[in-house]
Amino acid sequence: SSKWKSIHAANQSLIKNPNIIQPGWKIIIPDINAAKDEKTISRSKNDHTVETFKTTAYDLSIKSCGKAPSHPQYGITYSGKSIAGKTRTQAMTCAVDPKVIPLGSLILVVFEDEEYRQYNGIYQALDIGGGVKGKHIDIFLGDFNSTKESQEVKNFGSVKSKVQILRYGW
């Protein structure tokens, strides 16, 4: 619809450097619940279909990533970028199934459940995860500088969100 195209155009105009999400951006988050069609995500760069995804969360704990802070690859995403020492809002990244969402993509994530609305935003797909398959994303909640999983990640659990790919791949 033209409403989605105008929202997409407004969000695209915010993306000055397509590889970095800039702190302080004003992001237009549409009423994603108004989307009626749920098609399979295509690999077309022009398809900005809204999909429902299973959404979980991770941090840099051993349980989430399998590496202690002393490990040389601690905090390094599958795409090679470091998220060590970063908060969720500094990193704004997620793990995806690259067969569904290509690495490097920018995705809009909107939660229907009000309890999760603070996690709404534009994330970059920089990581993959062993349990992240199909229509599932795993958002990074931050480096809590601990080998133990954070309480925030434990509390997050698994919830549904609406996902729209704003920009495909690198």
Foldseek 3Di string as FASTA:
>chain_A
DVVVVVLLVVQVVQCPDLQADDPPDDHDDDPLVPQDDADQADLDQPDFHKHKAKEAAFEQACVRPVDAPVDPCRQQAPQGDRQPPHALSRQQAKAADCVRANASWWKFKAAPDPVCRVNTDIGGHRHHGPPHDDRYMYGYGGHPNYNDTDPVRVVRGIGMIMMTTSGGHD
